[in-house]
Amino acid sequence: MAVYRYGEKIPKIGNNSYISDSARVIGDVTISDNCYIGHGAIVRGDYGKIIIGDGTAIEENAILHIRPDGILEIEDLVTVGHGAIIHGRTIKSHAVIGIGSVIGFDVIIGSWAIVAEGCVIPQKSIVPDEKIAGGVPFGIIGDVEKRHKDFWTYGKQLYVDLAREYPGKFEKL
């Protein structure tokens, strides 16, 4: 695992969570149980605090960071897509942050909200629960339907399973 102390700030890692050796988890970071922190991901709690809830996936090359003395809370079963950049404040449970999205400071993403790929959410914005946001800058482009929840429930479980399987199956050759 690539977990680093920053001064007196030491990451806390829950049970059955996987952190790639090419990821960086730094400082005041709490990663709950059954999380997946993918290859190349950076979770920087060097001068702010980051909390990641149960079953959350931080996919490859995503960057999580927060301002000095700020708190970024990512609740349970959130999917943060590949290459997303997140400063934010709160990403509520079951939300999906699309590949390559940018989430500015003090943003709140609602429960079961979906942020489309490449979307930019400017600072202090709010995406309501169960809404789909897309565009640069974002707009609300739809409602989350049962079919979205079914698909993402399946996708989220894939990463919970992957977090459990990686320690036994991932081997450098």
N, C-alpha and C. Protein backbone atom coordinates (compact mmCIF):
# COMPACT_ATOMS: atom_id res chain seq x y z
N MET A 1 0.84 -1.19 0.00
CA MET A 1 0.00 0.00 0.00
C MET A 1 0.88 1.24 0.00
N ALA A 2 0.42 2.26 -0.66
CA ALA A 2 1.13 3.53 -0.72
C ALA A 2 0.42 4.53 0.19
N VAL A 3 0.62 4.36 1.49
CA VAL A 3 -0.04 5.18 2.50
C VAL A 3 1.04 5.97 3.21
N TYR A 4 0.83 7.29 3.35
CA TYR A 4 1.87 8.16 3.86
C TYR A 4 1.38 9.03 5.01
N ARG A 5 2.25 9.14 6.02
CA ARG A 5 2.05 10.10 7.10
C ARG A 5 2.39 11.48 6.55
N TYR A 6 1.67 12.50 7.03
CA TYR A 6 2.03 13.88 6.75
C TYR A 6 2.06 14.59 8.09
N GLY A 7 3.26 14.79 8.62
CA GLY A 7 3.39 15.32 9.97
C GLY A 7 2.76 14.36 10.95
N GLU A 8 1.83 14.84 11.72
CA GLU A 8 1.11 14.00 12.69
C GLU A 8 -0.13 13.35 12.10
N LYS A 9 -0.43 13.63 10.86
CA LYS A 9 -1.64 13.11 10.22
C LYS A 9 -1.33 11.77 9.57
N ILE A 10 -2.07 10.73 10.01
CA ILE A 10 -1.84 9.37 9.55
C ILE A 10 -3.15 8.80 9.01
N PRO A 11 -3.15 8.27 7.78
CA PRO A 11 -4.37 7.68 7.24
C PRO A 11 -4.87 6.50 8.07
N LYS A 12 -6.18 6.33 8.08
CA LYS A 12 -6.84 5.18 8.73
C LYS A 12 -7.54 4.40 7.63
N ILE A 13 -7.27 3.11 7.59
CA ILE A 13 -7.79 2.26 6.51
C ILE A 13 -8.68 1.18 7.11
N GLY A 14 -9.89 1.04 6.58
CA GLY A 14 -10.84 0.05 7.07
C GLY A 14 -10.55 -1.35 6.56
N ASN A 15 -11.37 -2.27 7.01
CA ASN A 15 -11.24 -3.69 6.65
C ASN A 15 -11.63 -3.92 5.19
N ASN A 16 -10.95 -4.87 4.57
CA ASN A 16 -11.25 -5.31 3.21
C ASN A 16 -11.19 -4.19 2.18
N SER A 17 -10.40 -3.15 2.46
CA SER A 17 -10.19 -2.09 1.48
C SER A 17 -8.88 -2.33 0.76
N TYR A 18 -8.89 -2.04 -0.53
CA TYR A 18 -7.69 -2.21 -1.34
C TYR A 18 -7.17 -0.85 -1.76
N ILE A 19 -5.87 -0.64 -1.58
CA ILE A 19 -5.20 0.57 -2.05
C ILE A 19 -4.05 0.12 -2.94
N SER A 20 -4.08 0.52 -4.20
CA SER A 20 -3.02 0.15 -5.13
C SER A 20 -1.68 0.69 -4.65
N ASP A 21 -0.61 -0.05 -4.95
CA ASP A 21 0.71 0.43 -4.58
C ASP A 21 1.14 1.63 -5.42
N SER A 22 0.42 1.92 -6.50
CA SER A 22 0.73 3.12 -7.28
C SER A 22 -0.19 4.30 -6.93
N ALA A 23 -1.13 4.08 -6.03
CA ALA A 23 -1.95 5.17 -5.52
C ALA A 23 -1.17 5.88 -4.42
N ARG A 24 -1.63 7.05 -4.01
CA ARG A 24 -1.04 7.78 -2.89
C ARG A 24 -2.17 8.21 -1.96
N VAL A 25 -2.12 7.76 -0.72
CA VAL A 25 -3.07 8.16 0.31
C VAL A 25 -2.24 8.88 1.37
N ILE A 26 -2.51 10.16 1.55
CA ILE A 26 -1.60 11.02 2.31
C ILE A 26 -2.35 11.75 3.42
N GLY A 27 -1.86 11.62 4.66
CA GLY A 27 -2.30 12.47 5.76
C GLY A 27 -3.62 12.11 6.38
N ASP A 28 -4.45 13.13 6.61
CA ASP A 28 -5.70 13.00 7.37
C ASP A 28 -6.80 12.44 6.47
N VAL A 29 -6.70 11.14 6.24
CA VAL A 29 -7.64 10.43 5.36
C VAL A 29 -8.19 9.24 6.12
N THR A 30 -9.50 9.08 6.08
CA THR A 30 -10.14 7.89 6.63
C THR A 30 -10.83 7.17 5.48
N ILE A 31 -10.41 5.93 5.27
CA ILE A 31 -11.02 5.07 4.24
C ILE A 31 -11.75 3.97 4.98
N SER A 32 -13.04 3.89 4.79
CA SER A 32 -13.87 2.91 5.50
C SER A 32 -13.69 1.52 4.90
N ASP A 33 -14.55 0.61 5.27
CA ASP A 33 -14.46 -0.79 4.84
C ASP A 33 -14.86 -0.95 3.37
N ASN A 34 -14.30 -1.99 2.74
CA ASN A 34 -14.70 -2.45 1.41
C ASN A 34 -14.52 -1.40 0.31
N CYS A 35 -13.52 -0.55 0.45
CA CYS A 35 -13.26 0.49 -0.55
C CYS A 35 -12.18 0.04 -1.53
N TYR A 36 -12.22 0.63 -2.70
CA TYR A 36 -11.23 0.38 -3.74
C TYR A 36 -10.60 1.72 -4.09
N ILE A 37 -9.26 1.81 -3.93
CA ILE A 37 -8.50 3.00 -4.31
C ILE A 37 -7.58 2.56 -5.45
N GLY A 38 -7.92 2.94 -6.67
CA GLY A 38 -7.29 2.41 -7.87
C GLY A 38 -5.90 2.93 -8.16
N HIS A 39 -5.30 2.32 -9.15
CA HIS A 39 -3.94 2.62 -9.57
C HIS A 39 -3.83 4.08 -9.99
N GLY A 40 -2.83 4.75 -9.46
CA GLY A 40 -2.58 6.14 -9.81
C GLY A 40 -3.47 7.15 -9.11
N ALA A 41 -4.41 6.70 -8.31
CA ALA A 41 -5.28 7.64 -7.59
C ALA A 41 -4.46 8.38 -6.53
N ILE A 42 -4.86 9.62 -6.26
CA ILE A 42 -4.21 10.42 -5.23
C ILE A 42 -5.29 10.94 -4.30
N VAL A 43 -5.13 10.64 -3.01
CA VAL A 43 -6.07 11.09 -1.98
C VAL A 43 -5.23 11.91 -1.00
N ARG A 44 -5.29 13.26 -1.14
CA ARG A 44 -4.39 14.16 -0.42
C ARG A 44 -5.08 14.81 0.76
N GLY A 45 -4.84 14.26 1.94
CA GLY A 45 -5.30 14.86 3.18
C GLY A 45 -4.14 15.52 3.90
N ASP A 46 -3.30 16.23 3.17
CA ASP A 46 -2.13 16.84 3.78
C ASP A 46 -2.48 18.08 4.60
N TYR A 47 -3.39 18.91 4.12
CA TYR A 47 -3.78 20.04 4.95
C TYR A 47 -5.28 20.22 5.06
N GLY A 48 -6.01 19.21 4.71
CA GLY A 48 -7.43 19.12 4.95
C GLY A 48 -7.75 17.67 5.28
N LYS A 49 -9.02 17.39 5.57
CA LYS A 49 -9.43 16.04 5.97
C LYS A 49 -10.32 15.43 4.89
N ILE A 50 -10.09 14.15 4.59
CA ILE A 50 -10.90 13.44 3.61
C ILE A 50 -11.44 12.17 4.26
N ILE A 51 -12.76 11.99 4.15
CA ILE A 51 -13.44 10.82 4.70
C ILE A 51 -14.11 10.09 3.54
N ILE A 52 -13.81 8.80 3.42
CA ILE A 52 -14.37 7.99 2.34
C ILE A 52 -15.20 6.87 2.97
N GLY A 53 -16.48 6.81 2.62
CA GLY A 53 -17.41 5.87 3.23
C GLY A 53 -17.30 4.46 2.69
N ASP A 54 -18.00 3.55 3.36
CA ASP A 54 -18.00 2.12 3.04
C ASP A 54 -18.34 1.86 1.57
N GLY A 55 -17.61 0.92 0.98
CA GLY A 55 -17.92 0.44 -0.35
C GLY A 55 -17.71 1.43 -1.48
N THR A 56 -16.97 2.49 -1.21
CA THR A 56 -16.74 3.52 -2.23
C THR A 56 -15.55 3.14 -3.10
N ALA A 57 -15.66 3.44 -4.40
CA ALA A 57 -14.59 3.18 -5.36
C ALA A 57 -14.02 4.51 -5.84
N ILE A 58 -12.72 4.68 -5.65
CA ILE A 58 -11.98 5.81 -6.21
C ILE A 58 -11.15 5.20 -7.34
N GLU A 59 -11.62 5.36 -8.55
CA GLU A 59 -11.04 4.65 -9.68
C GLU A 59 -9.71 5.28 -10.13
N GLU A 60 -9.07 4.64 -11.08
CA GLU A 60 -7.72 4.96 -11.50
C GLU A 60 -7.57 6.44 -11.88
N ASN A 61 -6.46 7.01 -11.38
CA ASN A 61 -6.02 8.38 -11.67
C ASN A 61 -6.96 9.46 -11.19
N ALA A 62 -7.92 9.13 -10.33
CA ALA A 62 -8.74 10.17 -9.72
C ALA A 62 -7.90 10.92 -8.69
N ILE A 63 -8.22 12.20 -8.49
CA ILE A 63 -7.51 13.03 -7.51
C ILE A 63 -8.55 13.61 -6.55
N LEU A 64 -8.32 13.39 -5.25
CA LEU A 64 -9.15 13.98 -4.21
C LEU A 64 -8.26 14.88 -3.37
N HIS A 65 -8.72 16.11 -3.16
CA HIS A 65 -7.94 17.07 -2.39
C HIS A 65 -8.91 18.06 -1.77
N ILE A 66 -8.47 18.77 -0.75
CA ILE A 66 -9.32 19.75 -0.08
C ILE A 66 -8.46 20.90 0.40
N ARG A 67 -9.08 22.05 0.54
CA ARG A 67 -8.36 23.26 0.97
C ARG A 67 -7.88 23.14 2.42
N PRO A 68 -6.97 24.01 2.84
CA PRO A 68 -6.50 23.97 4.23
C PRO A 68 -7.66 24.01 5.22
N ASP A 69 -7.62 23.08 6.15
CA ASP A 69 -8.63 22.94 7.20
C ASP A 69 -10.03 22.60 6.68
N GLY A 70 -10.15 22.25 5.41
CA GLY A 70 -11.43 21.85 4.85
C GLY A 70 -11.68 20.37 5.07
N ILE A 71 -12.91 19.96 4.82
CA ILE A 71 -13.29 18.55 4.93
C ILE A 71 -14.02 18.16 3.65
N LEU A 72 -13.58 17.05 3.08
CA LEU A 72 -14.27 16.43 1.96
C LEU A 72 -14.82 15.11 2.47
N GLU A 73 -16.14 14.97 2.44
CA GLU A 73 -16.75 13.72 2.87
C GLU A 73 -17.42 13.06 1.68
N ILE A 74 -16.97 11.84 1.42
CA ILE A 74 -17.58 11.01 0.38
C ILE A 74 -18.27 9.88 1.12
N GLU A 75 -19.58 9.82 1.01
CA GLU A 75 -20.35 8.86 1.78
C GLU A 75 -20.25 7.45 1.19
N ASP A 76 -21.12 6.56 1.65
CA ASP A 76 -21.07 5.14 1.29
C ASP A 76 -21.46 4.90 -0.17
N LEU A 77 -20.80 3.89 -0.76
CA LEU A 77 -21.14 3.37 -2.09
C LEU A 77 -21.15 4.44 -3.18
N VAL A 78 -20.18 5.32 -3.12
CA VAL A 78 -19.99 6.33 -4.16
C VAL A 78 -19.01 5.76 -5.18
N THR A 79 -19.22 6.08 -6.45
CA THR A 79 -18.29 5.72 -7.51
C THR A 79 -17.67 7.01 -8.04
N VAL A 80 -16.34 7.11 -7.93
CA VAL A 80 -15.59 8.24 -8.49
C VAL A 80 -14.85 7.69 -9.70
N GLY A 81 -15.25 8.15 -10.88
CA GLY A 81 -14.73 7.62 -12.13
C GLY A 81 -13.27 7.95 -12.39
N HIS A 82 -12.70 7.24 -13.33
CA HIS A 82 -11.31 7.39 -13.73
C HIS A 82 -10.99 8.84 -14.07
N GLY A 83 -9.91 9.34 -13.51
CA GLY A 83 -9.42 10.67 -13.87
C GLY A 83 -10.25 11.83 -13.36
N ALA A 84 -11.21 11.60 -12.50
CA ALA A 84 -11.99 12.71 -11.94
C ALA A 84 -11.12 13.51 -10.98
N ILE A 85 -11.40 14.80 -10.87
CA ILE A 85 -10.71 15.68 -9.93
C ILE A 85 -11.76 16.24 -8.99
N ILE A 86 -11.56 15.97 -7.70
CA ILE A 86 -12.59 16.34 -6.72
C ILE A 86 -11.98 17.17 -5.60
N HIS A 87 -12.54 18.37 -5.42
CA HIS A 87 -12.26 19.16 -4.23
C HIS A 87 -13.51 19.09 -3.34
N GLY A 88 -14.64 19.49 -3.85
CA GLY A 88 -15.94 19.28 -3.22
C GLY A 88 -16.05 19.59 -1.75
N ARG A 89 -17.17 19.19 -1.18
CA ARG A 89 -17.42 19.22 0.26
C ARG A 89 -18.11 17.94 0.67
N THR A 90 -19.20 17.59 -0.04
CA THR A 90 -19.93 16.38 0.29
C THR A 90 -20.39 15.69 -0.98
N ILE A 91 -20.12 14.41 -1.06
CA ILE A 91 -20.68 13.58 -2.11
C ILE A 91 -21.48 12.51 -1.38
N LYS A 92 -22.78 12.58 -1.53
CA LYS A 92 -23.67 11.72 -0.76
C LYS A 92 -23.73 10.30 -1.30
N SER A 93 -24.28 9.41 -0.48
CA SER A 93 -24.28 7.98 -0.78
C SER A 93 -24.87 7.66 -2.15
N HIS A 94 -24.26 6.67 -2.78
CA HIS A 94 -24.67 6.12 -4.07
C HIS A 94 -24.44 7.05 -5.27
N ALA A 95 -23.88 8.23 -5.05
CA ALA A 95 -23.61 9.14 -6.17
C ALA A 95 -22.59 8.52 -7.11
N VAL A 96 -22.61 8.99 -8.35
CA VAL A 96 -21.66 8.56 -9.37
C VAL A 96 -21.02 9.82 -9.96
N ILE A 97 -19.69 9.86 -9.91
CA ILE A 97 -18.93 10.96 -10.50
C ILE A 97 -18.27 10.40 -11.75
N GLY A 98 -18.67 10.90 -12.91
CA GLY A 98 -18.23 10.34 -14.18
C GLY A 98 -16.76 10.54 -14.48
N ILE A 99 -16.27 9.76 -15.40
CA ILE A 99 -14.89 9.79 -15.85
C ILE A 99 -14.51 11.22 -16.27
N GLY A 100 -13.38 11.69 -15.74
CA GLY A 100 -12.85 12.99 -16.14
C GLY A 100 -13.62 14.20 -15.67
N SER A 101 -14.54 14.02 -14.74
CA SER A 101 -15.30 15.15 -14.21
C SER A 101 -14.43 15.99 -13.28
N VAL A 102 -14.82 17.27 -13.12
CA VAL A 102 -14.14 18.17 -12.22
C VAL A 102 -15.19 18.71 -11.25
N ILE A 103 -14.92 18.50 -9.95
CA ILE A 103 -15.83 18.95 -8.89
C ILE A 103 -15.11 20.02 -8.08
N GLY A 104 -15.58 21.27 -8.14
CA GLY A 104 -14.93 22.39 -7.47
C GLY A 104 -15.12 22.39 -5.96
N PHE A 105 -14.47 23.37 -5.30
CA PHE A 105 -14.56 23.52 -3.85
C PHE A 105 -16.01 23.75 -3.41
N ASP A 106 -16.35 23.22 -2.25
CA ASP A 106 -17.63 23.45 -1.57
C ASP A 106 -18.84 22.99 -2.37
N VAL A 107 -18.66 22.03 -3.25
CA VAL A 107 -19.76 21.45 -4.02
C VAL A 107 -20.41 20.34 -3.21
N ILE A 108 -21.72 20.22 -3.34
CA ILE A 108 -22.47 19.13 -2.74
C ILE A 108 -23.14 18.35 -3.86
N ILE A 109 -22.88 17.05 -3.88
CA ILE A 109 -23.50 16.15 -4.85
C ILE A 109 -24.49 15.28 -4.08
N GLY A 110 -25.73 15.26 -4.50
CA GLY A 110 -26.79 14.57 -3.78
C GLY A 110 -26.72 13.05 -3.88
N SER A 111 -27.51 12.41 -3.04
CA SER A 111 -27.62 10.95 -3.03
C SER A 111 -28.18 10.47 -4.36
N TRP A 112 -27.57 9.43 -4.91
CA TRP A 112 -27.94 8.84 -6.18
C TRP A 112 -27.85 9.82 -7.35
N ALA A 113 -27.19 10.95 -7.17
CA ALA A 113 -26.97 11.86 -8.29
C ALA A 113 -25.92 11.25 -9.21
N ILE A 114 -26.00 11.56 -10.48
CA ILE A 114 -25.02 11.10 -11.46
C ILE A 114 -24.44 12.33 -12.16
N VAL A 115 -23.11 12.45 -12.11
CA VAL A 115 -22.40 13.51 -12.81
C VAL A 115 -21.81 12.88 -14.07
N ALA A 116 -22.20 13.36 -15.23
CA ALA A 116 -21.78 12.78 -16.50
C ALA A 116 -20.27 12.93 -16.73
N GLU A 117 -19.75 12.10 -17.62
CA GLU A 117 -18.34 12.15 -17.97
C GLU A 117 -17.96 13.54 -18.45
N GLY A 118 -16.79 14.03 -17.98
CA GLY A 118 -16.26 15.30 -18.44
C GLY A 118 -16.99 16.53 -17.94
N CYS A 119 -17.95 16.36 -17.06
CA CYS A 119 -18.74 17.46 -16.53
C CYS A 119 -17.90 18.32 -15.59
N VAL A 120 -18.18 19.61 -15.56
CA VAL A 120 -17.52 20.52 -14.63
C VAL A 120 -18.58 21.12 -13.71
N ILE A 121 -18.41 20.89 -12.42
CA ILE A 121 -19.32 21.44 -11.41
C ILE A 121 -18.55 22.55 -10.69
N PRO A 122 -18.86 23.83 -10.96
CA PRO A 122 -18.11 24.93 -10.34
C PRO A 122 -18.32 25.01 -8.83
N GLN A 123 -17.39 25.68 -8.18
CA GLN A 123 -17.43 25.79 -6.72
C GLN A 123 -18.78 26.29 -6.21
N LYS A 124 -19.14 25.80 -5.03
CA LYS A 124 -20.36 26.16 -4.30
C LYS A 124 -21.64 25.73 -4.98
N SER A 125 -21.57 24.86 -5.98
CA SER A 125 -22.77 24.37 -6.65
C SER A 125 -23.36 23.19 -5.89
N ILE A 126 -24.62 22.91 -6.18
CA ILE A 126 -25.32 21.76 -5.59
C ILE A 126 -25.99 20.98 -6.72
N VAL A 127 -25.75 19.68 -6.73
CA VAL A 127 -26.49 18.78 -7.61
C VAL A 127 -27.47 18.04 -6.71
N PRO A 128 -28.77 18.23 -6.90
CA PRO A 128 -29.77 17.62 -6.02
C PRO A 128 -29.77 16.09 -6.09
N ASP A 129 -30.35 15.48 -5.07
CA ASP A 129 -30.53 14.03 -5.04
C ASP A 129 -31.21 13.56 -6.33
N GLU A 130 -30.75 12.41 -6.84
CA GLU A 130 -31.38 11.70 -7.94
C GLU A 130 -31.54 12.52 -9.22
N LYS A 131 -30.58 13.44 -9.44
CA LYS A 131 -30.55 14.21 -10.68
C LYS A 131 -29.30 13.84 -11.47
N ILE A 132 -29.36 14.00 -12.78
CA ILE A 132 -28.21 13.77 -13.66
C ILE A 132 -27.70 15.14 -14.09
N ALA A 133 -26.41 15.38 -13.87
CA ALA A 133 -25.77 16.64 -14.24
C ALA A 133 -24.80 16.39 -15.38
N GLY A 134 -24.77 17.30 -16.33
CA GLY A 134 -23.83 17.18 -17.44
C GLY A 134 -23.51 18.53 -18.01
N GLY A 135 -22.39 18.61 -18.73
CA GLY A 135 -22.02 19.83 -19.42
C GLY A 135 -20.90 20.59 -18.73
N VAL A 136 -20.45 21.65 -19.44
CA VAL A 136 -19.37 22.52 -18.97
C VAL A 136 -19.81 23.95 -19.18
N PRO A 137 -20.19 24.70 -18.12
CA PRO A 137 -20.45 24.17 -16.78
C PRO A 137 -21.72 23.34 -16.78
N PHE A 138 -21.96 22.68 -15.67
CA PHE A 138 -23.04 21.70 -15.59
C PHE A 138 -24.43 22.32 -15.68
N GLY A 139 -25.36 21.51 -16.08
CA GLY A 139 -26.78 21.77 -15.97
C GLY A 139 -27.44 20.46 -15.59
N ILE A 140 -28.64 20.52 -15.08
CA ILE A 140 -29.39 19.30 -14.77
C ILE A 140 -30.00 18.81 -16.08
N ILE A 141 -29.65 17.59 -16.48
CA ILE A 141 -30.08 17.09 -17.79
C ILE A 141 -31.07 15.93 -17.68
N GLY A 142 -31.41 15.53 -16.46
CA GLY A 142 -32.37 14.44 -16.33
C GLY A 142 -32.53 13.99 -14.90
N ASP A 143 -33.40 13.00 -14.75
CA ASP A 143 -33.67 12.38 -13.46
C ASP A 143 -33.08 10.98 -13.45
N VAL A 144 -32.60 10.56 -12.30
CA VAL A 144 -32.12 9.19 -12.14
C VAL A 144 -33.34 8.29 -12.06
N GLU A 145 -33.33 7.25 -12.88
CA GLU A 145 -34.44 6.31 -12.94
C GLU A 145 -34.01 4.97 -12.34
N LYS A 146 -34.98 4.08 -12.20
CA LYS A 146 -34.70 2.75 -11.66
C LYS A 146 -33.61 2.04 -12.45
N ARG A 147 -33.64 2.16 -13.77
CA ARG A 147 -32.64 1.49 -14.60
C ARG A 147 -31.22 1.98 -14.28
N HIS A 148 -31.07 3.27 -13.97
CA HIS A 148 -29.76 3.80 -13.58
C HIS A 148 -29.32 3.19 -12.25
N LYS A 149 -30.24 3.14 -11.31
CA LYS A 149 -29.91 2.58 -9.99
C LYS A 149 -29.55 1.10 -10.12
N ASP A 150 -30.29 0.37 -10.94
CA ASP A 150 -29.99 -1.05 -11.13
C ASP A 150 -28.59 -1.23 -11.70
N PHE A 151 -28.27 -0.47 -12.74
CA PHE A 151 -26.95 -0.58 -13.36
C PHE A 151 -25.85 -0.22 -12.36
N TRP A 152 -26.01 0.89 -11.66
CA TRP A 152 -24.94 1.34 -10.75
C TRP A 152 -24.86 0.51 -9.49
N THR A 153 -25.94 -0.10 -9.06
CA THR A 153 -25.86 -1.05 -7.94
C THR A 153 -24.97 -2.22 -8.33
N TYR A 154 -25.16 -2.72 -9.53
CA TYR A 154 -24.32 -3.78 -10.07
C TYR A 154 -22.86 -3.31 -10.17
N GLY A 155 -22.63 -2.12 -10.74
CA GLY A 155 -21.27 -1.60 -10.91
C GLY A 155 -20.55 -1.36 -9.61
N LYS A 156 -21.26 -0.88 -8.62
CA LYS A 156 -20.65 -0.62 -7.31
C LYS A 156 -20.22 -1.94 -6.65
N GLN A 157 -21.04 -2.96 -6.79
CA GLN A 157 -20.69 -4.27 -6.21
C GLN A 157 -19.45 -4.85 -6.88
N LEU A 158 -19.26 -4.58 -8.17
CA LEU A 158 -18.05 -5.05 -8.86
C LEU A 158 -16.80 -4.54 -8.15
N TYR A 159 -16.81 -3.28 -7.74
CA TYR A 159 -15.63 -2.70 -7.08
C TYR A 159 -15.48 -3.17 -5.64
N VAL A 160 -16.57 -3.41 -4.94
CA VAL A 160 -16.48 -4.01 -3.60
C VAL A 160 -15.83 -5.38 -3.72
N ASP A 161 -16.28 -6.17 -4.71
CA ASP A 161 -15.69 -7.49 -4.93
C ASP A 161 -14.22 -7.37 -5.35
N LEU A 162 -13.92 -6.41 -6.20
CA LEU A 162 -12.54 -6.22 -6.65
C LEU A 162 -11.62 -5.88 -5.48
N ALA A 163 -12.09 -5.05 -4.57
CA ALA A 163 -11.28 -4.70 -3.39
C ALA A 163 -10.94 -5.95 -2.58
N ARG A 164 -11.86 -6.87 -2.48
CA ARG A 164 -11.61 -8.11 -1.72
C ARG A 164 -10.70 -9.06 -2.48
N GLU A 165 -10.81 -9.08 -3.81
CA GLU A 165 -10.06 -10.04 -4.62
C GLU A 165 -8.63 -9.60 -4.92
N TYR A 166 -8.37 -8.31 -5.02
CA TYR A 166 -7.06 -7.84 -5.42
C TYR A 166 -5.91 -8.37 -4.58
N PRO A 167 -6.00 -8.36 -3.25
CA PRO A 167 -4.85 -8.83 -2.47
C PRO A 167 -4.41 -10.26 -2.83
N GLY A 168 -5.35 -11.12 -3.18
CA GLY A 168 -5.00 -12.49 -3.51
C GLY A 168 -4.69 -12.75 -4.96
N LYS A 169 -5.17 -11.89 -5.85
CA LYS A 169 -5.03 -12.15 -7.28
C LYS A 169 -4.02 -11.24 -7.98
N PHE A 170 -3.74 -10.08 -7.44
CA PHE A 170 -2.87 -9.10 -8.09
C PHE A 170 -1.43 -9.40 -7.71
N GLU A 171 -0.62 -9.70 -8.71
CA GLU A 171 0.76 -10.10 -8.44
C GLU A 171 1.70 -9.48 -9.47
N LYS A 172 2.73 -8.81 -8.99
CA LYS A 172 3.75 -8.26 -9.88
C LYS A 172 4.60 -9.40 -10.45
N LEU A 173 4.80 -9.39 -11.73
CA LEU A 173 5.58 -10.43 -12.39
C LEU A 173 6.95 -9.92 -12.79
